[in-house]
Amino acid sequence: MTQWYYNRKTGEVEEGPQSLGSDRDGPFDSREDAARAPQIIAERARKWAAEDALDDR
């Protein structure tokens, strides 16, 4: 199964790990998900922050 990555440095989608691990996000199951990596990561961060806020009550 092919894994896809989003390179934060270049903004490009990569098939398989091609760049430094510190420059990429993933793996993702599809090219489309890798292309949406910044949005997916922001959504997850908001969700985790909301969960943490609930835990702190």
PDB file of N, CA and C in Angstrom:
ATOM      1  N   MET A   1       0.840  -1.183   0.000  1.00  0.00           N
ATOM      2  CA  MET A   1       0.000   0.000   0.000  1.00  0.00           C
ATOM      3  C   MET A   1       0.886   1.247   0.000  1.00  0.00           C
ATOM      4  N   THR A   2       0.604   2.152  -0.871  1.00  0.00           N
ATOM      5  CA  THR A   2       1.370   3.386  -0.979  1.00  0.00           C
ATOM      6  C   THR A   2       1.032   4.318   0.160  1.00  0.00           C
ATOM      7  N   GLN A   3       2.054   4.936   0.720  1.00  0.00           N
ATOM      8  CA  GLN A   3       1.859   5.947   1.748  1.00  0.00           C
ATOM      9  C   GLN A   3       2.257   7.296   1.171  1.00  0.00           C
ATOM     10  N   TRP A   4       1.507   8.321   1.560  1.00  0.00           N
ATOM     11  CA  TRP A   4       1.711   9.667   1.049  1.00  0.00           C
ATOM     12  C   TRP A   4       2.106  10.602   2.185  1.00  0.00           C
ATOM     13  N   TYR A   5       2.934  11.576   1.860  1.00  0.00           N
ATOM     14  CA  TYR A   5       3.431  12.530   2.846  1.00  0.00           C
ATOM     15  C   TYR A   5       3.273  13.947   2.317  1.00  0.00           C
ATOM     16  N   TYR A   6       3.173  14.880   3.246  1.00  0.00           N
ATOM     17  CA  TYR A   6       3.131  16.300   2.899  1.00  0.00           C
ATOM     18  C   TYR A   6       4.433  16.921   3.375  1.00  0.00           C
ATOM     19  N   ASN A   7       5.164  17.528   2.453  1.00  0.00           N
ATOM     20  CA  ASN A   7       6.412  18.190   2.782  1.00  0.00           C
ATOM     21  C   ASN A   7       6.104  19.632   3.168  1.00  0.00           C
ATOM     22  N   ARG A   8       6.274  19.957   4.455  1.00  0.00           N
ATOM     23  CA  ARG A   8       5.974  21.305   4.943  1.00  0.00           C
ATOM     24  C   ARG A   8       6.926  22.350   4.374  1.00  0.00           C
ATOM     25  N   LYS A   9       8.125  21.948   4.054  1.00  0.00           N
ATOM     26  CA  LYS A   9       9.133  22.887   3.540  1.00  0.00           C
ATOM     27  C   LYS A   9       8.807  23.331   2.109  1.00  0.00           C
ATOM     28  N   THR A  10       8.367  22.383   1.280  1.00  0.00           N
ATOM     29  CA  THR A  10       8.103  22.695  -0.127  1.00  0.00           C
ATOM     30  C   THR A  10       6.621  22.852  -0.444  1.00  0.00           C
ATOM     31  N   GLY A  11       5.751  22.311   0.445  1.00  0.00           N
ATOM     32  CA  GLY A  11       4.317  22.332   0.174  1.00  0.00           C
ATOM     33  C   GLY A  11       3.892  21.273  -0.824  1.00  0.00           C
ATOM     34  N   GLU A  12       4.775  20.338  -1.115  1.00  0.00           N
ATOM     35  CA  GLU A  12       4.499  19.295  -2.099  1.00  0.00           C
ATOM     36  C   GLU A  12       4.075  17.984  -1.421  1.00  0.00           C
ATOM     37  N   VAL A  13       3.301  17.189  -2.154  1.00  0.00           N
ATOM     38  CA  VAL A  13       2.927  15.845  -1.726  1.00  0.00           C
ATOM     39  C   VAL A  13       3.972  14.882  -2.269  1.00  0.00           C
ATOM     40  N   GLU A  14       4.387  13.942  -1.417  1.00  0.00           N
ATOM     41  CA  GLU A  14       5.406  12.966  -1.811  1.00  0.00           C
ATOM     42  C   GLU A  14       4.840  11.555  -1.716  1.00  0.00           C
ATOM     43  N   GLU A  15       5.167  10.737  -2.678  1.00  0.00           N
ATOM     44  CA  GLU A  15       4.800   9.315  -2.633  1.00  0.00           C
ATOM     45  C   GLU A  15       5.933   8.585  -1.934  1.00  0.00           C
ATOM     46  N   GLY A  16       5.648   8.103  -0.730  1.00  0.00           N
ATOM     47  CA  GLY A  16       6.687   7.487   0.082  1.00  0.00           C
ATOM     48  C   GLY A  16       7.537   8.557   0.739  1.00  0.00           C
ATOM     49  N   PRO A  17       8.298   8.169   1.761  1.00  0.00           N
ATOM     50  CA  PRO A  17       9.119   9.145   2.465  1.00  0.00           C
ATOM     51  C   PRO A  17      10.344   9.543   1.632  1.00  0.00           C
ATOM     52  N   GLN A  18      10.317  10.749   1.096  1.00  0.00           N
ATOM     53  CA  GLN A  18      11.414  11.209   0.247  1.00  0.00           C
ATOM     54  C   GLN A  18      12.262  12.290   0.905  1.00  0.00           C
ATOM     55  N   SER A  19      11.667  13.032   1.818  1.00  0.00           N
ATOM     56  CA  SER A  19      12.381  14.141   2.438  1.00  0.00           C
ATOM     57  C   SER A  19      12.692  13.818   3.897  1.00  0.00           C
ATOM     58  N   LEU A  20      13.394  14.719   4.549  1.00  0.00           N
ATOM     59  CA  LEU A  20      13.714  14.544   5.958  1.00  0.00           C
ATOM     60  C   LEU A  20      12.440  14.429   6.785  1.00  0.00           C
ATOM     61  N   GLY A  21      12.468  13.584   7.779  1.00  0.00           N
ATOM     62  CA  GLY A  21      11.312  13.403   8.643  1.00  0.00           C
ATOM     63  C   GLY A  21      10.871  14.689   9.312  1.00  0.00           C
ATOM     64  N   SER A  22      11.808  15.570   9.606  1.00  0.00           N
ATOM     65  CA  SER A  22      11.461  16.834  10.261  1.00  0.00           C
ATOM     66  C   SER A  22      10.749  17.801   9.319  1.00  0.00           C
ATOM     67  N   ASP A  23      10.771  17.527   8.016  1.00  0.00           N
ATOM     68  CA  ASP A  23      10.134  18.399   7.023  1.00  0.00           C
ATOM     69  C   ASP A  23       8.796  17.878   6.542  1.00  0.00           C
ATOM     70  N   ARG A  24       8.395  16.682   6.982  1.00  0.00           N
ATOM     71  CA  ARG A  24       7.191  16.094   6.400  1.00  0.00           C
ATOM     72  C   ARG A  24       6.191  15.649   7.460  1.00  0.00           C
ATOM     73  N   ASP A  25       4.926  15.603   7.048  1.00  0.00           N
ATOM     74  CA  ASP A  25       3.834  15.076   7.853  1.00  0.00           C
ATOM     75  C   ASP A  25       3.301  13.840   7.159  1.00  0.00           C
ATOM     76  N   GLY A  26       2.880  12.879   7.949  1.00  0.00           N
ATOM     77  CA  GLY A  26       2.320  11.667   7.378  1.00  0.00           C
ATOM     78  C   GLY A  26       2.839  10.462   8.135  1.00  0.00           C
ATOM     79  N   PRO A  27       2.490   9.307   7.662  1.00  0.00           N
ATOM     80  CA  PRO A  27       1.913   9.019   6.358  1.00  0.00           C
ATOM     81  C   PRO A  27       0.399   9.190   6.322  1.00  0.00           C
ATOM     82  N   PHE A  28      -0.095   9.422   5.127  1.00  0.00           N
ATOM     83  CA  PHE A  28      -1.522   9.490   4.846  1.00  0.00           C
ATOM     84  C   PHE A  28      -1.857   8.366   3.876  1.00  0.00           C
ATOM     85  N   ASP A  29      -3.114   7.941   3.901  1.00  0.00           N
ATOM     86  CA  ASP A  29      -3.539   6.827   3.046  1.00  0.00           C
ATOM     87  C   ASP A  29      -3.773   7.219   1.599  1.00  0.00           C
ATOM     88  N   SER A  30      -3.982   8.518   1.340  1.00  0.00           N
ATOM     89  CA  SER A  30      -4.239   8.936  -0.035  1.00  0.00           C
ATOM     90  C   SER A  30      -3.489  10.230  -0.345  1.00  0.00           C
ATOM     91  N   ARG A  31      -3.279  10.450  -1.616  1.00  0.00           N
ATOM     92  CA  ARG A  31      -2.637  11.678  -2.081  1.00  0.00           C
ATOM     93  C   ARG A  31      -3.481  12.893  -1.677  1.00  0.00           C
ATOM     94  N   GLU A  32      -4.791  12.741  -1.756  1.00  0.00           N
ATOM     95  CA  GLU A  32      -5.705  13.833  -1.430  1.00  0.00           C
ATOM     96  C   GLU A  32      -5.590  14.223   0.043  1.00  0.00           C
ATOM     97  N   ASP A  33      -5.524  13.214   0.927  1.00  0.00           N
ATOM     98  CA  ASP A  33      -5.362  13.513   2.349  1.00  0.00           C
ATOM     99  C   ASP A  33      -4.022  14.192   2.615  1.00  0.00           C
ATOM    100  N   ALA A  34      -2.968  13.725   1.966  1.00  0.00           N
ATOM    101  CA  ALA A  34      -1.654  14.351   2.147  1.00  0.00           C
ATOM    102  C   ALA A  34      -1.687  15.810   1.690  1.00  0.00           C
ATOM    103  N   ALA A  35      -2.395  16.091   0.612  1.00  0.00           N
ATOM    104  CA  ALA A  35      -2.502  17.461   0.117  1.00  0.00           C
ATOM    105  C   ALA A  35      -3.257  18.350   1.103  1.00  0.00           C
ATOM    106  N   ARG A  36      -4.149  17.756   1.879  1.00  0.00           N
ATOM    107  CA  ARG A  36      -4.926  18.491   2.879  1.00  0.00           C
ATOM    108  C   ARG A  36      -4.269  18.460   4.254  1.00  0.00           C
ATOM    109  N   ALA A  37      -3.037  18.000   4.341  1.00  0.00           N
ATOM    110  CA  ALA A  37      -2.365  17.827   5.628  1.00  0.00           C
ATOM    111  C   ALA A  37      -2.436  19.059   6.525  1.00  0.00           C
ATOM    112  N   PRO A  38      -2.175  20.260   6.043  1.00  0.00           N
ATOM    113  CA  PRO A  38      -2.253  21.413   6.957  1.00  0.00           C
ATOM    114  C   PRO A  38      -3.639  21.582   7.580  1.00  0.00           C
ATOM    115  N   GLN A  39      -4.686  21.358   6.798  1.00  0.00           N
ATOM    116  CA  GLN A  39      -6.045  21.475   7.324  1.00  0.00           C
ATOM    117  C   GLN A  39      -6.351  20.337   8.304  1.00  0.00           C
ATOM    118  N   ILE A  40      -5.960  19.131   7.954  1.00  0.00           N
ATOM    119  CA  ILE A  40      -6.205  17.972   8.818  1.00  0.00           C
ATOM    120  C   ILE A  40      -5.501  18.160  10.151  1.00  0.00           C
ATOM    121  N   ILE A  41      -4.264  18.615  10.125  1.00  0.00           N
ATOM    122  CA  ILE A  41      -3.493  18.806  11.343  1.00  0.00           C
ATOM    123  C   ILE A  41      -4.109  19.916  12.198  1.00  0.00           C
ATOM    124  N   ALA A  42      -4.547  20.996  11.575  1.00  0.00           N
ATOM    125  CA  ALA A  42      -5.196  22.086  12.318  1.00  0.00           C
ATOM    126  C   ALA A  42      -6.492  21.601  12.962  1.00  0.00           C
ATOM    127  N   GLU A  43      -7.275  20.792  12.241  1.00  0.00           N
ATOM    128  CA  GLU A  43      -8.519  20.248  12.799  1.00  0.00           C
ATOM    129  C   GLU A  43      -8.227  19.357  14.004  1.00  0.00           C
ATOM    130  N   ARG A  44      -7.218  18.515  13.891  1.00  0.00           N
ATOM    131  CA  ARG A  44      -6.863  17.625  15.001  1.00  0.00           C
ATOM    132  C   ARG A  44      -6.389  18.440  16.210  1.00  0.00           C
ATOM    133  N   ALA A  45      -5.601  19.473  15.963  1.00  0.00           N
ATOM    134  CA  ALA A  45      -5.103  20.307  17.069  1.00  0.00           C
ATOM    135  C   ALA A  45      -6.254  20.992  17.793  1.00  0.00           C
ATOM    136  N   ARG A  46      -7.235  21.503  17.040  1.00  0.00           N
ATOM    137  CA  ARG A  46      -8.402  22.126  17.669  1.00  0.00           C
ATOM    138  C   ARG A  46      -9.175  21.115  18.506  1.00  0.00           C
ATOM    139  N   LYS A  47      -9.339  19.913  17.968  1.00  0.00           N
ATOM    140  CA  LYS A  47     -10.072  18.865  18.687  1.00  0.00           C
ATOM    141  C   LYS A  47      -9.348  18.504  19.980  1.00  0.00           C
ATOM    142  N   TRP A  48      -8.027  18.318  19.906  1.00  0.00           N
ATOM    143  CA  TRP A  48      -7.264  17.968  21.095  1.00  0.00           C
ATOM    144  C   TRP A  48      -7.303  19.097  22.131  1.00  0.00           C
ATOM    145  N   ALA A  49      -7.225  20.343  21.678  1.00  0.00           N
ATOM    146  CA  ALA A  49      -7.280  21.468  22.600  1.00  0.00           C
ATOM    147  C   ALA A  49      -8.631  21.519  23.307  1.00  0.00           C
ATOM    148  N   ALA A  50      -9.696  21.258  22.572  1.00  0.00           N
ATOM    149  CA  ALA A  50     -11.028  21.251  23.164  1.00  0.00           C
ATOM    150  C   ALA A  50     -11.149  20.110  24.182  1.00  0.00           C
ATOM    151  N   GLU A  51     -10.607  18.954  23.861  1.00  0.00           N
ATOM    152  CA  GLU A  51     -10.636  17.824  24.791  1.00  0.00           C
ATOM    153  C   GLU A  51      -9.828  18.131  26.048  1.00  0.00           C
ATOM    154  N   ASP A  52      -8.673  18.770  25.885  1.00  0.00           N
ATOM    155  CA  ASP A  52      -7.847  19.139  27.030  1.00  0.00           C
ATOM    156  C   ASP A  52      -8.572  20.144  27.910  1.00  0.00           C
ATOM    157  N   ALA A  53      -9.273  21.077  27.303  1.00  0.00           N
ATOM    158  CA  ALA A  53     -10.027  22.081  28.072  1.00  0.00           C
ATOM    159  C   ALA A  53     -11.114  21.397  28.904  1.00  0.00           C
ATOM    160  N   LEU A  54     -11.754  20.393  28.350  1.00  0.00           N
ATOM    161  CA  LEU A  54     -12.776  19.647  29.093  1.00  0.00           C
ATOM    162  C   LEU A  54     -12.157  18.870  30.244  1.00  0.00           C
ATOM    163  N   ASP A  55     -10.980  18.305  30.018  1.00  0.00           N
ATOM    164  CA  ASP A  55     -10.286  17.534  31.063  1.00  0.00           C
ATOM    165  C   ASP A  55      -9.838  18.424  32.212  1.00  0.00           C
ATOM    166  N   ASP A  56      -9.571  19.691  31.932  1.00  0.00           N
ATOM    167  CA  ASP A  56      -9.065  20.610  32.956  1.00  0.00           C
ATOM    168  C   ASP A  56     -10.158  21.134  33.878  1.00  0.00           C
ATOM    169  N   ARG A  57     -11.416  20.835  33.555  1.00  0.00           N
ATOM    170  CA  ARG A  57     -12.523  21.341  34.394  1.00  0.00           C
ATOM    171  C   ARG A  57     -12.678  20.537  35.642  1.00  0.00           C
TER     172      ARG A  57
END
